[in-house]
Amino acid sequence: MLTKDKLRAQIELFPDEFSIDELVERLIFIQKVERGEKQSLENDVTEHEHLDKEIEKWFK
């Protein structure tokens, strides 16, 4: 979950001028990374072999 501290830290990384779109994109990216880290820690991942089969379907 995004906290005020995380938001402040991200805003500090931005240049003096930036668009709302840039900020929203960064926040969405952070949320997705955090979700991925949580899934990894909980071993909620897709096996490599299963992923290969799914990718094969995309190209048929």
Protein backbone atom coordinates (compact mmCIF):
# COMPACT_ATOMS: atom_id res chain seq x y z
CA MET A 1 0.00 0.00 0.00
CA LEU A 2 1.20 3.48 -0.79
CA THR A 3 1.98 5.61 2.24
CA LYS A 4 2.49 9.34 2.60
CA ASP A 5 6.19 8.71 3.25
CA LYS A 6 6.55 6.74 0.01
CA LEU A 7 4.67 9.45 -1.87
CA ARG A 8 6.92 12.16 -0.43
CA ALA A 9 10.03 10.16 -1.32
CA GLN A 10 8.86 9.75 -4.91
CA ILE A 11 7.99 13.41 -5.28
CA GLU A 12 11.49 14.31 -4.08
CA LEU A 13 12.91 12.28 -6.99
CA PHE A 14 11.00 14.30 -9.58
CA PRO A 15 12.34 17.45 -11.22
CA ASP A 16 10.93 20.81 -10.15
CA GLU A 17 8.34 20.63 -12.93
CA PHE A 18 6.44 17.49 -13.90
CA SER A 19 3.02 16.52 -15.12
CA ILE A 20 0.31 14.78 -13.16
CA ASP A 21 0.50 11.99 -15.76
CA GLU A 22 4.17 11.40 -14.93
CA LEU A 23 3.38 11.22 -11.23
CA VAL A 24 0.46 8.85 -11.73
CA GLU A 25 2.57 6.59 -13.98
CA ARG A 26 5.30 6.44 -11.32
CA LEU A 27 2.80 5.64 -8.56
CA ILE A 28 1.18 2.88 -10.62
CA PHE A 29 4.63 1.44 -11.32
CA ILE A 30 5.49 1.47 -7.60
CA GLN A 31 2.22 -0.24 -6.77
CA LYS A 32 2.86 -2.97 -9.35
CA VAL A 33 6.40 -3.56 -8.09
CA GLU A 34 5.16 -3.83 -4.50
CA ARG A 35 2.43 -6.26 -5.57
CA GLY A 36 5.01 -8.36 -7.41
CA GLU A 37 7.33 -8.40 -4.41
CA LYS A 38 4.46 -9.49 -2.17
CA GLN A 39 3.46 -12.25 -4.57
CA SER A 40 7.06 -13.43 -4.73
CA LEU A 41 7.38 -13.53 -0.95
CA GLU A 42 4.14 -15.51 -0.74
CA ASN A 43 5.37 -17.85 -3.49
CA ASP A 44 2.39 -16.80 -5.62
CA VAL A 45 4.27 -17.09 -8.89
CA THR A 46 3.80 -18.74 -12.26
CA GLU A 47 6.06 -21.67 -13.03
CA HIS A 48 8.43 -21.15 -15.94
CA GLU A 49 7.06 -24.12 -17.87
CA HIS A 50 3.48 -22.88 -17.55
CA LEU A 51 4.52 -19.44 -18.72
CA ASP A 52 6.24 -20.93 -21.78
CA LYS A 53 3.02 -22.72 -22.72
CA GLU A 54 0.99 -19.54 -22.31
CA ILE A 55 3.40 -17.56 -24.49
CA GLU A 56 3.24 -20.25 -27.20
CA LYS A 57 -0.54 -19.73 -27.34
CA TRP A 58 -0.02 -16.04 -28.09
CA PHE A 59 1.89 -16.82 -31.28
CA LYS A 60 -0.45 -19.45 -32.73
